[in-house]
């Protein structure tokens, strides 16, 4: 099975977010700041944004973002 066929989901722990915005700088198509905290434009990560979504999540100093394989 190719990685394109696998769906990925992103979750955000707004309670852990400190609003640094590094995720937004890396992947604004998925991550936005609203009221100083991260919000998601979608929880399903399009295949073409997967690498940047993961990079954005990994850039969070509070580990408030997680990208994982979506379960059916």
PDB file of N, CA and C in Angstrom:
ATOM      1  N   UNK A   1       0.850  -1.185   0.000  1.00  0.00           N
ATOM      2  CA  UNK A   1       0.000   0.000   0.000  1.00  0.00           C
ATOM      3  C   UNK A   1       0.888   1.238   0.000  1.00  0.00           C
ATOM      4  N   UNK A   2       0.638   2.166  -0.907  1.00  0.00           N
ATOM      5  CA  UNK A   2       1.463   3.370  -0.985  1.00  0.00           C
ATOM      6  C   UNK A   2       1.078   4.349   0.115  1.00  0.00           C
ATOM      7  N   UNK A   3       2.005   5.247   0.447  1.00  0.00           N
ATOM      8  CA  UNK A   3       1.733   6.220   1.503  1.00  0.00           C
ATOM      9  C   UNK A   3       0.631   7.187   1.094  1.00  0.00           C
ATOM     10  N   UNK A   4       0.411   7.372  -0.246  1.00  0.00           N
ATOM     11  CA  UNK A   4      -0.661   8.242  -0.703  1.00  0.00           C
ATOM     12  C   UNK A   4      -2.027   7.692  -0.331  1.00  0.00           C
ATOM     13  N   UNK A   5      -2.141   6.366  -0.203  1.00  0.00           N
ATOM     14  CA  UNK A   5      -3.429   5.738   0.096  1.00  0.00           C
ATOM     15  C   UNK A   5      -3.741   5.759   1.588  1.00  0.00           C
ATOM     16  N   UNK A   6      -2.787   6.117   2.400  1.00  0.00           N
ATOM     17  CA  UNK A   6      -2.976   6.139   3.845  1.00  0.00           C
ATOM     18  C   UNK A   6      -3.419   7.538   4.266  1.00  0.00           C
ATOM     19  N   UNK A   7      -4.532   7.615   4.999  1.00  0.00           N
ATOM     20  CA  UNK A   7      -5.016   8.900   5.503  1.00  0.00           C
ATOM     21  C   UNK A   7      -4.309   9.244   6.805  1.00  0.00           C
ATOM     22  N   UNK A   8      -4.059  10.529   6.988  1.00  0.00           N
ATOM     23  CA  UNK A   8      -3.455  11.025   8.222  1.00  0.00           C
ATOM     24  C   UNK A   8      -4.354  12.081   8.835  1.00  0.00           C
ATOM     25  N   UNK A   9      -4.341  12.110  10.146  1.00  0.00           N
ATOM     26  CA  UNK A   9      -5.158  13.048  10.914  1.00  0.00           C
ATOM     27  C   UNK A   9      -4.225  13.860  11.821  1.00  0.00           C
ATOM     28  N   UNK A  10      -4.568  15.119  12.011  1.00  0.00           N
ATOM     29  CA  UNK A  10      -3.813  15.964  12.932  1.00  0.00           C
ATOM     30  C   UNK A  10      -4.732  16.354  14.087  1.00  0.00           C
ATOM     31  N   UNK A  11      -4.174  16.353  15.276  1.00  0.00           N
ATOM     32  CA  UNK A  11      -4.912  16.807  16.448  1.00  0.00           C
ATOM     33  C   UNK A  11      -4.093  17.895  17.147  1.00  0.00           C
ATOM     34  N   UNK A  12      -4.806  18.792  17.792  1.00  0.00           N
ATOM     35  CA  UNK A  12      -4.165  19.905  18.494  1.00  0.00           C
ATOM     36  C   UNK A  12      -4.649  19.947  19.932  1.00  0.00           C
ATOM     37  N   UNK A  13      -3.708  20.061  20.844  1.00  0.00           N
ATOM     38  CA  UNK A  13      -4.014  20.249  22.264  1.00  0.00           C
ATOM     39  C   UNK A  13      -3.900  21.742  22.548  1.00  0.00           C
ATOM     40  N   UNK A  14      -5.021  22.461  22.413  1.00  0.00           N
ATOM     41  CA  UNK A  14      -5.003  23.915  22.597  1.00  0.00           C
ATOM     42  C   UNK A  14      -4.590  24.307  24.012  1.00  0.00           C
ATOM     43  N   UNK A  15      -4.792  23.433  24.976  1.00  0.00           N
ATOM     44  CA  UNK A  15      -4.379  23.711  26.349  1.00  0.00           C
ATOM     45  C   UNK A  15      -2.869  23.741  26.505  1.00  0.00           C
ATOM     46  N   UNK A  16      -2.166  23.026  25.624  1.00  0.00           N
ATOM     47  CA  UNK A  16      -0.702  23.000  25.674  1.00  0.00           C
ATOM     48  C   UNK A  16      -0.076  24.091  24.816  1.00  0.00           C
ATOM     49  N   UNK A  17      -0.851  24.634  23.871  1.00  0.00           N
ATOM     50  CA  UNK A  17      -0.333  25.625  22.925  1.00  0.00           C
ATOM     51  C   UNK A  17       0.022  26.931  23.639  1.00  0.00           C
ATOM     52  N   UNK A  18       1.195  27.458  23.289  1.00  0.00           N
ATOM     53  CA  UNK A  18       1.618  28.755  23.830  1.00  0.00           C
ATOM     54  C   UNK A  18       1.647  29.826  22.749  1.00  0.00           C
ATOM     55  N   UNK A  19       1.189  29.488  21.540  1.00  0.00           N
ATOM     56  CA  UNK A  19       1.060  30.479  20.481  1.00  0.00           C
ATOM     57  C   UNK A  19       2.346  30.929  19.829  1.00  0.00           C
ATOM     58  N   UNK A  20       3.362  30.083  19.814  1.00  0.00           N
ATOM     59  CA  UNK A  20       4.627  30.462  19.179  1.00  0.00           C
ATOM     60  C   UNK A  20       4.459  30.683  17.677  1.00  0.00           C
ATOM     61  N   UNK A  21       3.588  29.912  17.035  1.00  0.00           N
ATOM     62  CA  UNK A  21       3.291  30.101  15.619  1.00  0.00           C
ATOM     63  C   UNK A  21       4.249  29.472  14.640  1.00  0.00           C
ATOM     64  N   UNK A  22       5.195  28.684  15.109  1.00  0.00           N
ATOM     65  CA  UNK A  22       6.120  28.041  14.163  1.00  0.00           C
ATOM     66  C   UNK A  22       5.378  27.081  13.240  1.00  0.00           C
ATOM     67  N   UNK A  23       4.357  26.434  13.742  1.00  0.00           N
ATOM     68  CA  UNK A  23       3.563  25.523  12.911  1.00  0.00           C
ATOM     69  C   UNK A  23       2.898  26.282  11.770  1.00  0.00           C
ATOM     70  N   UNK A  24       2.390  27.469  12.062  1.00  0.00           N
ATOM     71  CA  UNK A  24       1.717  28.298  11.061  1.00  0.00           C
ATOM     72  C   UNK A  24       2.704  28.737   9.986  1.00  0.00           C
ATOM     73  N   UNK A  25       3.910  29.095  10.389  1.00  0.00           N
ATOM     74  CA  UNK A  25       4.932  29.504   9.427  1.00  0.00           C
ATOM     75  C   UNK A  25       5.269  28.366   8.470  1.00  0.00           C
ATOM     76  N   UNK A  26       5.265  27.140   8.967  1.00  0.00           N
ATOM     77  CA  UNK A  26       5.651  25.974   8.162  1.00  0.00           C
ATOM     78  C   UNK A  26       4.499  25.463   7.308  1.00  0.00           C
ATOM     79  N   UNK A  27       3.284  25.430   7.857  1.00  0.00           N
ATOM     80  CA  UNK A  27       2.149  24.856   7.136  1.00  0.00           C
ATOM     81  C   UNK A  27       0.854  25.630   7.423  1.00  0.00           C
ATOM     82  N   UNK A  28       0.745  26.842   6.868  1.00  0.00           N
ATOM     83  CA  UNK A  28      -0.450  27.656   7.131  1.00  0.00           C
ATOM     84  C   UNK A  28      -1.729  27.077   6.527  1.00  0.00           C
ATOM     85  N   UNK A  29      -1.598  26.134   5.607  1.00  0.00           N
ATOM     86  CA  UNK A  29      -2.782  25.491   5.029  1.00  0.00           C
ATOM     87  C   UNK A  29      -3.525  24.642   6.058  1.00  0.00           C
ATOM     88  N   UNK A  30      -2.820  24.191   7.098  1.00  0.00           N
ATOM     89  CA  UNK A  30      -3.418  23.347   8.144  1.00  0.00           C
ATOM     90  C   UNK A  30      -3.524  24.101   9.465  1.00  0.00           C
ATOM     91  N   UNK A  31      -2.458  24.807   9.842  1.00  0.00           N
ATOM     92  CA  UNK A  31      -2.377  25.450  11.151  1.00  0.00           C
ATOM     93  C   UNK A  31      -2.630  26.954  11.043  1.00  0.00           C
ATOM     94  N   UNK A  32      -3.422  27.474  11.974  1.00  0.00           N
ATOM     95  CA  UNK A  32      -3.681  28.907  12.081  1.00  0.00           C
ATOM     96  C   UNK A  32      -3.666  29.269  13.570  1.00  0.00           C
ATOM     97  N   UNK A  33      -3.455  30.532  13.857  1.00  0.00           N
ATOM     98  CA  UNK A  33      -3.584  31.004  15.235  1.00  0.00           C
ATOM     99  C   UNK A  33      -4.883  31.790  15.334  1.00  0.00           C
ATOM    100  N   UNK A  34      -5.638  31.493  16.348  1.00  0.00           N
ATOM    101  CA  UNK A  34      -6.886  32.211  16.616  1.00  0.00           C
ATOM    102  C   UNK A  34      -6.912  32.510  18.109  1.00  0.00           C
ATOM    103  N   UNK A  35      -6.981  33.772  18.445  1.00  0.00           N
ATOM    104  CA  UNK A  35      -6.931  34.146  19.847  1.00  0.00           C
ATOM    105  C   UNK A  35      -5.617  33.767  20.499  1.00  0.00           C
ATOM    106  N   UNK A  36      -4.547  33.694  19.693  1.00  0.00           N
ATOM    107  CA  UNK A  36      -3.224  33.356  20.211  1.00  0.00           C
ATOM    108  C   UNK A  36      -2.962  31.869  20.367  1.00  0.00           C
ATOM    109  N   UNK A  37      -3.938  31.026  19.995  1.00  0.00           N
ATOM    110  CA  UNK A  37      -3.769  29.579  20.115  1.00  0.00           C
ATOM    111  C   UNK A  37      -3.996  28.911  18.769  1.00  0.00           C
ATOM    112  N   UNK A  38      -3.386  27.758  18.591  1.00  0.00           N
ATOM    113  CA  UNK A  38      -3.502  27.031  17.330  1.00  0.00           C
ATOM    114  C   UNK A  38      -4.931  26.559  17.079  1.00  0.00           C
ATOM    115  N   UNK A  39      -5.340  26.664  15.835  1.00  0.00           N
ATOM    116  CA  UNK A  39      -6.576  26.052  15.353  1.00  0.00           C
ATOM    117  C   UNK A  39      -6.213  25.304  14.078  1.00  0.00           C
ATOM    118  N   UNK A  40      -7.048  24.363  13.714  1.00  0.00           N
ATOM    119  CA  UNK A  40      -6.811  23.565  12.520  1.00  0.00           C
ATOM    120  C   UNK A  40      -7.821  23.943  11.446  1.00  0.00           C
ATOM    121  N   UNK A  41      -7.354  24.105  10.210  1.00  0.00           N
ATOM    122  CA  UNK A  41      -8.276  24.355   9.111  1.00  0.00           C
ATOM    123  C   UNK A  41      -8.969  23.056   8.707  1.00  0.00           C
ATOM    124  N   UNK A  42      -8.345  21.932   9.007  1.00  0.00           N
ATOM    125  CA  UNK A  42      -8.883  20.602   8.760  1.00  0.00           C
ATOM    126  C   UNK A  42      -8.175  19.629   9.681  1.00  0.00           C
ATOM    127  N   UNK A  43      -8.837  18.532  10.026  1.00  0.00           N
ATOM    128  CA  UNK A  43      -8.138  17.528  10.829  1.00  0.00           C
ATOM    129  C   UNK A  43      -7.603  16.393   9.956  1.00  0.00           C
ATOM    130  N   UNK A  44      -8.061  16.310   8.703  1.00  0.00           N
ATOM    131  CA  UNK A  44      -7.535  15.324   7.765  1.00  0.00           C
ATOM    132  C   UNK A  44      -6.450  16.001   6.935  1.00  0.00           C
ATOM    133  N   UNK A  45      -5.273  15.396   6.913  1.00  0.00           N
ATOM    134  CA  UNK A  45      -4.131  15.990   6.226  1.00  0.00           C
ATOM    135  C   UNK A  45      -4.097  15.505   4.776  1.00  0.00           C
ATOM    136  N   UNK A  46      -4.216  16.414   3.808  1.00  0.00           N
ATOM    137  CA  UNK A  46      -4.082  16.010   2.412  1.00  0.00           C
ATOM    138  C   UNK A  46      -2.670  15.463   2.155  1.00  0.00           C
ATOM    139  N   UNK A  47      -2.571  14.464   1.312  1.00  0.00           N
ATOM    140  CA  UNK A  47      -1.281  13.810   1.051  1.00  0.00           C
ATOM    141  C   UNK A  47      -0.201  14.812   0.637  1.00  0.00           C
ATOM    142  N   UNK A  48      -0.587  15.817  -0.151  1.00  0.00           N
ATOM    143  CA  UNK A  48       0.406  16.778  -0.630  1.00  0.00           C
ATOM    144  C   UNK A  48       0.920  17.703   0.473  1.00  0.00           C
ATOM    145  N   UNK A  49       0.243  17.741   1.615  1.00  0.00           N
ATOM    146  CA  UNK A  49       0.684  18.579   2.746  1.00  0.00           C
ATOM    147  C   UNK A  49       1.262  17.764   3.894  1.00  0.00           C
ATOM    148  N   UNK A  50       1.314  16.454   3.748  1.00  0.00           N
ATOM    149  CA  UNK A  50       1.720  15.591   4.861  1.00  0.00           C
ATOM    150  C   UNK A  50       3.101  15.943   5.408  1.00  0.00           C
ATOM    151  N   UNK A  51       4.083  16.088   4.537  1.00  0.00           N
ATOM    152  CA  UNK A  51       5.448  16.361   5.005  1.00  0.00           C
ATOM    153  C   UNK A  51       5.510  17.676   5.792  1.00  0.00           C
ATOM    154  N   UNK A  52       4.861  18.720   5.288  1.00  0.00           N
ATOM    155  CA  UNK A  52       4.872  20.013   5.974  1.00  0.00           C
ATOM    156  C   UNK A  52       4.030  19.988   7.243  1.00  0.00           C
ATOM    157  N   UNK A  53       2.933  19.236   7.237  1.00  0.00           N
ATOM    158  CA  UNK A  53       2.110  19.114   8.447  1.00  0.00           C
ATOM    159  C   UNK A  53       2.906  18.445   9.565  1.00  0.00           C
ATOM    160  N   UNK A  54       3.646  17.410   9.221  1.00  0.00           N
ATOM    161  CA  UNK A  54       4.489  16.725  10.207  1.00  0.00           C
ATOM    162  C   UNK A  54       5.591  17.657  10.693  1.00  0.00           C
ATOM    163  N   UNK A  55       6.229  18.360   9.769  1.00  0.00           N
ATOM    164  CA  UNK A  55       7.287  19.302  10.149  1.00  0.00           C
ATOM    165  C   UNK A  55       6.737  20.388  11.078  1.00  0.00           C
ATOM    166  N   UNK A  56       5.550  20.898  10.765  1.00  0.00           N
ATOM    167  CA  UNK A  56       4.924  21.908  11.616  1.00  0.00           C
ATOM    168  C   UNK A  56       4.627  21.381  13.006  1.00  0.00           C
ATOM    169  N   UNK A  57       4.110  20.153  13.066  1.00  0.00           N
ATOM    170  CA  UNK A  57       3.818  19.533  14.366  1.00  0.00           C
ATOM    171  C   UNK A  57       5.094  19.321  15.164  1.00  0.00           C
ATOM    172  N   UNK A  58       6.136  18.845  14.492  1.00  0.00           N
ATOM    173  CA  UNK A  58       7.409  18.595  15.190  1.00  0.00           C
ATOM    174  C   UNK A  58       8.090  19.881  15.635  1.00  0.00           C
ATOM    175  N   UNK A  59       7.741  21.010  15.009  1.00  0.00           N
ATOM    176  CA  UNK A  59       8.356  22.287  15.377  1.00  0.00           C
ATOM    177  C   UNK A  59       7.769  22.872  16.657  1.00  0.00           C
ATOM    178  N   UNK A  60       6.645  22.330  17.108  1.00  0.00           N
ATOM    179  CA  UNK A  60       5.980  22.877  18.289  1.00  0.00           C
ATOM    180  C   UNK A  60       6.788  22.583  19.550  1.00  0.00           C
ATOM    181  N   UNK A  61       7.256  23.629  20.253  1.00  0.00           N
ATOM    182  CA  UNK A  61       8.053  23.395  21.454  1.00  0.00           C
ATOM    183  C   UNK A  61       7.238  22.789  22.607  1.00  0.00           C
ATOM    184  N   UNK A  62       5.915  22.872  22.524  1.00  0.00           N
ATOM    185  CA  UNK A  62       5.051  22.326  23.577  1.00  0.00           C
ATOM    186  C   UNK A  62       4.488  20.945  23.221  1.00  0.00           C
ATOM    187  N   UNK A  63       4.826  20.432  22.037  1.00  0.00           N
ATOM    188  CA  UNK A  63       4.310  19.143  21.547  1.00  0.00           C
ATOM    189  C   UNK A  63       2.780  19.118  21.568  1.00  0.00           C
ATOM    190  N   UNK A  64       2.169  20.235  21.160  1.00  0.00           N
ATOM    191  CA  UNK A  64       0.715  20.371  21.183  1.00  0.00           C
ATOM    192  C   UNK A  64       0.047  19.794  19.939  1.00  0.00           C
ATOM    193  N   UNK A  65       0.849  19.406  18.942  1.00  0.00           N
ATOM    194  CA  UNK A  65       0.302  18.897  17.688  1.00  0.00           C
ATOM    195  C   UNK A  65       0.788  17.486  17.416  1.00  0.00           C
ATOM    196  N   UNK A  66      -0.132  16.654  16.932  1.00  0.00           N
ATOM    197  CA  UNK A  66       0.213  15.268  16.604  1.00  0.00           C
ATOM    198  C   UNK A  66      -0.389  14.933  15.250  1.00  0.00           C
ATOM    199  N   UNK A  67       0.437  14.404  14.359  1.00  0.00           N
ATOM    200  CA  UNK A  67      -0.031  13.878  13.083  1.00  0.00           C
ATOM    201  C   UNK A  67       0.132  12.379  13.156  1.00  0.00           C
ATOM    202  N   UNK A  68      -0.968  11.659  12.895  1.00  0.00           N
ATOM    203  CA  UNK A  68      -0.932  10.197  12.985  1.00  0.00           C
ATOM    204  C   UNK A  68      -1.788   9.599  11.890  1.00  0.00           C
ATOM    205  N   UNK A  69      -1.590   8.313  11.655  1.00  0.00           N
ATOM    206  CA  UNK A  69      -2.395   7.591  10.684  1.00  0.00           C
ATOM    207  C   UNK A  69      -3.825   7.549  11.194  1.00  0.00           C
ATOM    208  N   UNK A  70      -4.757   7.924  10.327  1.00  0.00           N
ATOM    209  CA  UNK A  70      -6.174   7.910  10.704  1.00  0.00           C
ATOM    210  C   UNK A  70      -6.661   6.467  10.706  1.00  0.00           C
ATOM    211  N   UNK A  71      -7.412   6.115  11.730  1.00  0.00           N
ATOM    212  CA  UNK A  71      -7.986   4.774  11.795  1.00  0.00           C
ATOM    213  C   UNK A  71      -9.354   4.789  11.144  1.00  0.00           C
ATOM    214  N   UNK A  72      -9.674   3.697  10.527  1.00  0.00           N
ATOM    215  CA  UNK A  72     -10.950   3.597   9.807  1.00  0.00           C
ATOM    216  C   UNK A  72     -12.079   3.341  10.750  1.00  0.00           C
TER     217      UNK A  72
END
